[in-house]
Amino acid sequence: MKNSMIGLVTLLPTPNYLINIPVKLFEYMAAWIPVIASDFPLWREIVKGNNCGICVNPLDPKEIAKAIEYLIEHPDEARKMGENGRKAVIEKYNWQNEEKKLLKLYSELLN
């Protein structure tokens, strides 16, 4: 990952992927790497919501290639997306925040 310019998370739209988020997405974000991700609602919320990459139709190789080309041809924007992803991981998508949510859920389930 150290030498990567772009992180690809273009999984196919199977039921499992539509409702789960791959760890790889957050690994790329934490590594300051802009992502190209499948355009699933949950993933779009993270990627577009944090301006850390581009969402594409994972069944369209031309769209994926176009997104790769765009990030290569716009290195300043790609760098900014990488920075945004890193910032999002530090501020939102980390164990300290998720721990609070999990403990709250446990508390609600036990009461």
N, C-alpha and C. Protein backbone atom coordinates (compact mmCIF):
# COMPACT_ATOMS: atom_id res chain seq x y z
N MET A 1 0.82 -1.18 0.00
CA MET A 1 0.00 0.00 0.00
C MET A 1 0.87 1.26 0.00
N LYS A 2 2.05 1.13 0.55
CA LYS A 2 2.95 2.28 0.70
C LYS A 2 3.20 3.00 -0.62
N ASN A 3 3.27 2.27 -1.72
CA ASN A 3 3.56 2.86 -3.02
C ASN A 3 2.32 3.03 -3.90
N SER A 4 1.15 2.82 -3.33
CA SER A 4 -0.09 2.89 -4.10
C SER A 4 -0.57 4.33 -4.24
N MET A 5 -1.11 4.62 -5.41
CA MET A 5 -1.69 5.94 -5.68
C MET A 5 -3.20 5.94 -5.48
N ILE A 6 -3.81 4.77 -5.67
CA ILE A 6 -5.27 4.66 -5.63
C ILE A 6 -5.63 3.31 -5.00
N GLY A 7 -6.66 3.31 -4.18
CA GLY A 7 -7.17 2.07 -3.61
C GLY A 7 -8.46 1.67 -4.28
N LEU A 8 -8.53 0.45 -4.78
CA LEU A 8 -9.74 -0.05 -5.44
C LEU A 8 -10.51 -0.97 -4.50
N VAL A 9 -11.78 -0.65 -4.33
CA VAL A 9 -12.69 -1.50 -3.57
C VAL A 9 -13.95 -1.62 -4.43
N THR A 10 -13.83 -2.35 -5.52
CA THR A 10 -14.92 -2.46 -6.48
C THR A 10 -15.50 -3.87 -6.44
N LEU A 11 -16.11 -4.17 -5.32
CA LEU A 11 -16.74 -5.48 -5.15
C LEU A 11 -18.07 -5.50 -5.88
N LEU A 12 -18.48 -6.69 -6.27
CA LEU A 12 -19.73 -6.85 -7.02
C LEU A 12 -20.95 -6.70 -6.10
N PRO A 13 -22.09 -6.31 -6.65
CA PRO A 13 -23.27 -6.04 -5.83
C PRO A 13 -23.99 -7.31 -5.35
N THR A 14 -23.32 -8.08 -4.54
CA THR A 14 -23.96 -9.24 -3.92
C THR A 14 -24.65 -8.76 -2.64
N PRO A 15 -25.66 -9.46 -2.18
CA PRO A 15 -26.38 -9.00 -0.98
C PRO A 15 -25.47 -8.71 0.22
N ASN A 16 -24.47 -9.53 0.43
CA ASN A 16 -23.58 -9.33 1.57
C ASN A 16 -22.81 -8.02 1.47
N TYR A 17 -22.30 -7.70 0.31
CA TYR A 17 -21.51 -6.47 0.14
C TYR A 17 -22.37 -5.22 0.21
N LEU A 18 -23.63 -5.33 -0.16
CA LEU A 18 -24.51 -4.16 -0.14
C LEU A 18 -24.78 -3.64 1.27
N ILE A 19 -24.66 -4.52 2.26
CA ILE A 19 -24.97 -4.11 3.64
C ILE A 19 -23.75 -4.07 4.55
N ASN A 20 -22.59 -4.44 4.04
CA ASN A 20 -21.37 -4.44 4.84
C ASN A 20 -20.33 -3.51 4.22
N ILE A 21 -19.39 -3.09 5.03
CA ILE A 21 -18.32 -2.22 4.56
C ILE A 21 -17.00 -2.98 4.72
N PRO A 22 -16.24 -3.12 3.64
CA PRO A 22 -14.98 -3.85 3.75
C PRO A 22 -13.93 -3.05 4.53
N VAL A 23 -13.18 -3.74 5.36
CA VAL A 23 -12.10 -3.12 6.13
C VAL A 23 -11.11 -2.44 5.20
N LYS A 24 -10.90 -3.01 4.03
CA LYS A 24 -9.95 -2.46 3.06
C LYS A 24 -10.25 -1.00 2.75
N LEU A 25 -11.52 -0.62 2.70
CA LEU A 25 -11.88 0.76 2.45
C LEU A 25 -11.24 1.68 3.49
N PHE A 26 -11.37 1.31 4.76
CA PHE A 26 -10.82 2.12 5.84
C PHE A 26 -9.30 2.05 5.88
N GLU A 27 -8.74 0.92 5.48
CA GLU A 27 -7.28 0.82 5.42
C GLU A 27 -6.72 1.79 4.39
N TYR A 28 -7.34 1.87 3.23
CA TYR A 28 -6.90 2.84 2.22
C TYR A 28 -7.04 4.27 2.75
N MET A 29 -8.17 4.55 3.35
CA MET A 29 -8.40 5.89 3.87
C MET A 29 -7.35 6.24 4.93
N ALA A 30 -7.08 5.32 5.82
CA ALA A 30 -6.08 5.56 6.87
C ALA A 30 -4.69 5.77 6.30
N ALA A 31 -4.44 5.19 5.13
CA ALA A 31 -3.12 5.28 4.49
C ALA A 31 -3.01 6.48 3.55
N TRP A 32 -3.97 7.41 3.61
CA TRP A 32 -3.96 8.63 2.79
C TRP A 32 -4.15 8.35 1.31
N ILE A 33 -4.80 7.25 0.97
CA ILE A 33 -4.96 6.83 -0.42
C ILE A 33 -6.40 7.11 -0.86
N PRO A 34 -6.60 7.87 -1.96
CA PRO A 34 -7.97 8.06 -2.46
C PRO A 34 -8.53 6.72 -2.93
N VAL A 35 -9.82 6.55 -2.76
CA VAL A 35 -10.43 5.26 -3.10
C VAL A 35 -11.37 5.37 -4.29
N ILE A 36 -11.44 4.28 -5.00
CA ILE A 36 -12.48 4.08 -6.02
C ILE A 36 -13.28 2.91 -5.49
N ALA A 37 -14.54 3.18 -5.17
CA ALA A 37 -15.37 2.18 -4.51
C ALA A 37 -16.66 1.92 -5.28
N SER A 38 -17.20 0.74 -5.04
CA SER A 38 -18.49 0.40 -5.62
C SER A 38 -19.54 1.40 -5.15
N ASP A 39 -20.41 1.77 -6.04
CA ASP A 39 -21.43 2.77 -5.73
C ASP A 39 -22.64 2.11 -5.07
N PHE A 40 -22.43 1.67 -3.82
CA PHE A 40 -23.50 1.12 -3.00
C PHE A 40 -23.91 2.22 -2.02
N PRO A 41 -25.18 2.29 -1.64
CA PRO A 41 -25.63 3.40 -0.78
C PRO A 41 -24.77 3.62 0.46
N LEU A 42 -24.47 2.58 1.20
CA LEU A 42 -23.69 2.72 2.43
C LEU A 42 -22.26 3.18 2.14
N TRP A 43 -21.67 2.65 1.09
CA TRP A 43 -20.29 3.02 0.73
C TRP A 43 -20.26 4.44 0.20
N ARG A 44 -21.28 4.80 -0.60
CA ARG A 44 -21.37 6.15 -1.16
C ARG A 44 -21.43 7.19 -0.04
N GLU A 45 -22.19 6.87 1.01
CA GLU A 45 -22.30 7.77 2.15
C GLU A 45 -20.92 8.07 2.75
N ILE A 46 -20.08 7.06 2.82
CA ILE A 46 -18.74 7.24 3.38
C ILE A 46 -17.82 7.95 2.40
N VAL A 47 -17.75 7.45 1.17
CA VAL A 47 -16.80 7.98 0.18
C VAL A 47 -17.16 9.39 -0.25
N LYS A 48 -18.38 9.58 -0.69
CA LYS A 48 -18.79 10.92 -1.13
C LYS A 48 -18.99 11.85 0.05
N GLY A 49 -19.52 11.32 1.13
CA GLY A 49 -19.75 12.14 2.31
C GLY A 49 -18.49 12.72 2.90
N ASN A 50 -17.37 12.06 2.68
CA ASN A 50 -16.08 12.54 3.18
C ASN A 50 -15.17 13.03 2.08
N ASN A 51 -15.68 13.03 0.85
CA ASN A 51 -14.89 13.45 -0.33
C ASN A 51 -13.51 12.79 -0.32
N CYS A 52 -13.52 11.46 -0.19
CA CYS A 52 -12.25 10.74 -0.13
C CYS A 52 -12.06 9.80 -1.31
N GLY A 53 -12.87 9.95 -2.34
CA GLY A 53 -12.72 9.09 -3.51
C GLY A 53 -13.87 9.24 -4.48
N ILE A 54 -13.99 8.23 -5.33
CA ILE A 54 -14.99 8.22 -6.40
C ILE A 54 -15.76 6.92 -6.31
N CYS A 55 -17.07 7.00 -6.44
CA CYS A 55 -17.91 5.79 -6.48
C CYS A 55 -18.23 5.46 -7.93
N VAL A 56 -18.17 4.18 -8.25
CA VAL A 56 -18.39 3.71 -9.62
C VAL A 56 -19.29 2.49 -9.62
N ASN A 57 -19.84 2.21 -10.79
CA ASN A 57 -20.58 0.97 -11.00
C ASN A 57 -19.54 -0.15 -11.11
N PRO A 58 -19.52 -1.10 -10.18
CA PRO A 58 -18.49 -2.14 -10.22
C PRO A 58 -18.64 -3.11 -11.40
N LEU A 59 -19.76 -3.03 -12.11
CA LEU A 59 -19.98 -3.90 -13.26
C LEU A 59 -19.56 -3.22 -14.57
N ASP A 60 -19.03 -2.02 -14.48
CA ASP A 60 -18.67 -1.25 -15.66
C ASP A 60 -17.16 -0.94 -15.68
N PRO A 61 -16.38 -1.81 -16.33
CA PRO A 61 -14.92 -1.61 -16.37
C PRO A 61 -14.50 -0.26 -16.94
N LYS A 62 -15.26 0.25 -17.90
CA LYS A 62 -14.91 1.55 -18.49
C LYS A 62 -15.07 2.67 -17.47
N GLU A 63 -16.09 2.59 -16.65
CA GLU A 63 -16.29 3.60 -15.61
C GLU A 63 -15.17 3.53 -14.56
N ILE A 64 -14.77 2.33 -14.22
CA ILE A 64 -13.67 2.15 -13.27
C ILE A 64 -12.38 2.74 -13.87
N ALA A 65 -12.12 2.42 -15.13
CA ALA A 65 -10.92 2.93 -15.80
C ALA A 65 -10.94 4.46 -15.88
N LYS A 66 -12.11 5.02 -16.14
CA LYS A 66 -12.25 6.48 -16.23
C LYS A 66 -11.94 7.12 -14.87
N ALA A 67 -12.38 6.50 -13.79
CA ALA A 67 -12.11 7.02 -12.45
C ALA A 67 -10.61 6.94 -12.13
N ILE A 68 -9.98 5.84 -12.51
CA ILE A 68 -8.53 5.70 -12.30
C ILE A 68 -7.80 6.79 -13.08
N GLU A 69 -8.16 6.94 -14.33
CA GLU A 69 -7.55 7.95 -15.18
C GLU A 69 -7.73 9.35 -14.59
N TYR A 70 -8.91 9.64 -14.09
CA TYR A 70 -9.18 10.95 -13.52
C TYR A 70 -8.25 11.23 -12.35
N LEU A 71 -8.11 10.27 -11.44
CA LEU A 71 -7.26 10.50 -10.27
C LEU A 71 -5.79 10.63 -10.66
N ILE A 72 -5.36 9.90 -11.65
CA ILE A 72 -3.98 10.01 -12.12
C ILE A 72 -3.74 11.39 -12.75
N GLU A 73 -4.71 11.85 -13.52
CA GLU A 73 -4.56 13.13 -14.22
C GLU A 73 -4.81 14.35 -13.32
N HIS A 74 -5.35 14.13 -12.14
CA HIS A 74 -5.63 15.21 -11.19
C HIS A 74 -4.98 14.88 -9.84
N PRO A 75 -3.64 14.89 -9.80
CA PRO A 75 -2.93 14.48 -8.58
C PRO A 75 -3.23 15.35 -7.36
N ASP A 76 -3.47 16.64 -7.55
CA ASP A 76 -3.77 17.49 -6.40
C ASP A 76 -5.11 17.12 -5.79
N GLU A 77 -6.09 16.85 -6.64
CA GLU A 77 -7.39 16.43 -6.13
C GLU A 77 -7.30 15.05 -5.48
N ALA A 78 -6.52 14.15 -6.08
CA ALA A 78 -6.34 12.82 -5.49
C ALA A 78 -5.67 12.93 -4.12
N ARG A 79 -4.68 13.81 -4.01
CA ARG A 79 -4.00 14.01 -2.73
C ARG A 79 -4.98 14.54 -1.69
N LYS A 80 -5.82 15.49 -2.08
CA LYS A 80 -6.81 16.05 -1.17
C LYS A 80 -7.81 14.98 -0.72
N MET A 81 -8.23 14.12 -1.65
CA MET A 81 -9.13 13.03 -1.29
C MET A 81 -8.46 12.10 -0.28
N GLY A 82 -7.18 11.81 -0.50
CA GLY A 82 -6.44 10.98 0.45
C GLY A 82 -6.38 11.62 1.83
N GLU A 83 -6.14 12.92 1.86
CA GLU A 83 -6.12 13.65 3.13
C GLU A 83 -7.49 13.61 3.80
N ASN A 84 -8.53 13.78 3.02
CA ASN A 84 -9.89 13.74 3.57
C ASN A 84 -10.21 12.38 4.17
N GLY A 85 -9.77 11.31 3.48
CA GLY A 85 -9.99 9.97 3.99
C GLY A 85 -9.28 9.74 5.31
N ARG A 86 -8.04 10.18 5.38
CA ARG A 86 -7.26 10.05 6.61
C ARG A 86 -7.94 10.80 7.76
N LYS A 87 -8.37 12.02 7.48
CA LYS A 87 -9.05 12.83 8.48
C LYS A 87 -10.33 12.14 8.97
N ALA A 88 -11.08 11.56 8.04
CA ALA A 88 -12.33 10.87 8.42
C ALA A 88 -12.06 9.68 9.33
N VAL A 89 -10.99 8.94 9.05
CA VAL A 89 -10.65 7.80 9.90
C VAL A 89 -10.26 8.28 11.29
N ILE A 90 -9.47 9.34 11.34
CA ILE A 90 -9.03 9.86 12.64
C ILE A 90 -10.22 10.40 13.45
N GLU A 91 -11.12 11.10 12.78
CA GLU A 91 -12.21 11.76 13.49
C GLU A 91 -13.47 10.92 13.68
N LYS A 92 -13.76 10.01 12.73
CA LYS A 92 -15.05 9.30 12.78
C LYS A 92 -14.91 7.78 12.85
N TYR A 93 -14.18 7.23 11.92
CA TYR A 93 -14.17 5.78 11.73
C TYR A 93 -13.00 5.15 12.48
N ASN A 94 -13.14 5.07 13.79
CA ASN A 94 -12.07 4.52 14.62
C ASN A 94 -12.70 3.79 15.81
N TRP A 95 -11.89 3.02 16.48
CA TRP A 95 -12.41 2.20 17.56
C TRP A 95 -13.00 3.04 18.69
N GLN A 96 -12.40 4.17 19.01
CA GLN A 96 -12.92 4.98 20.11
C GLN A 96 -14.38 5.38 19.85
N ASN A 97 -14.69 5.76 18.64
CA ASN A 97 -16.08 6.12 18.32
C ASN A 97 -16.98 4.90 18.23
N GLU A 98 -16.48 3.86 17.60
CA GLU A 98 -17.29 2.65 17.43
C GLU A 98 -17.54 1.96 18.77
N GLU A 99 -16.57 2.05 19.68
CA GLU A 99 -16.73 1.46 21.01
C GLU A 99 -17.94 2.08 21.72
N LYS A 100 -18.09 3.38 21.63
CA LYS A 100 -19.22 4.06 22.26
C LYS A 100 -20.55 3.56 21.69
N LYS A 101 -20.60 3.41 20.38
CA LYS A 101 -21.82 2.92 19.74
C LYS A 101 -22.13 1.49 20.18
N LEU A 102 -21.11 0.66 20.23
CA LEU A 102 -21.29 -0.74 20.61
C LEU A 102 -21.74 -0.85 22.06
N LEU A 103 -21.12 -0.11 22.95
CA LEU A 103 -21.50 -0.16 24.35
C LEU A 103 -22.93 0.36 24.55
N LYS A 104 -23.30 1.38 23.80
CA LYS A 104 -24.66 1.91 23.88
C LYS A 104 -25.67 0.85 23.42
N LEU A 105 -25.33 0.14 22.33
CA LEU A 105 -26.21 -0.92 21.84
C LEU A 105 -26.35 -2.03 22.88
N TYR A 106 -25.23 -2.45 23.48
CA TYR A 106 -25.29 -3.48 24.52
C TYR A 106 -26.18 -3.02 25.67
N SER A 107 -26.03 -1.77 26.07
CA SER A 107 -26.81 -1.25 27.17
C SER A 107 -28.31 -1.27 26.84
N GLU A 108 -28.64 -0.88 25.62
CA GLU A 108 -30.04 -0.87 25.19
C GLU A 108 -30.61 -2.29 25.12
N LEU A 109 -29.80 -3.22 24.67
CA LEU A 109 -30.26 -4.61 24.57
C LEU A 109 -30.47 -5.24 25.95
N LEU A 110 -29.68 -4.84 26.92
CA LEU A 110 -29.78 -5.42 28.26
C LEU A 110 -30.88 -4.79 29.09
N ASN A 111 -31.33 -3.63 28.70
CA ASN A 111 -32.40 -2.94 29.48
C ASN A 111 -33.76 -3.23 28.96
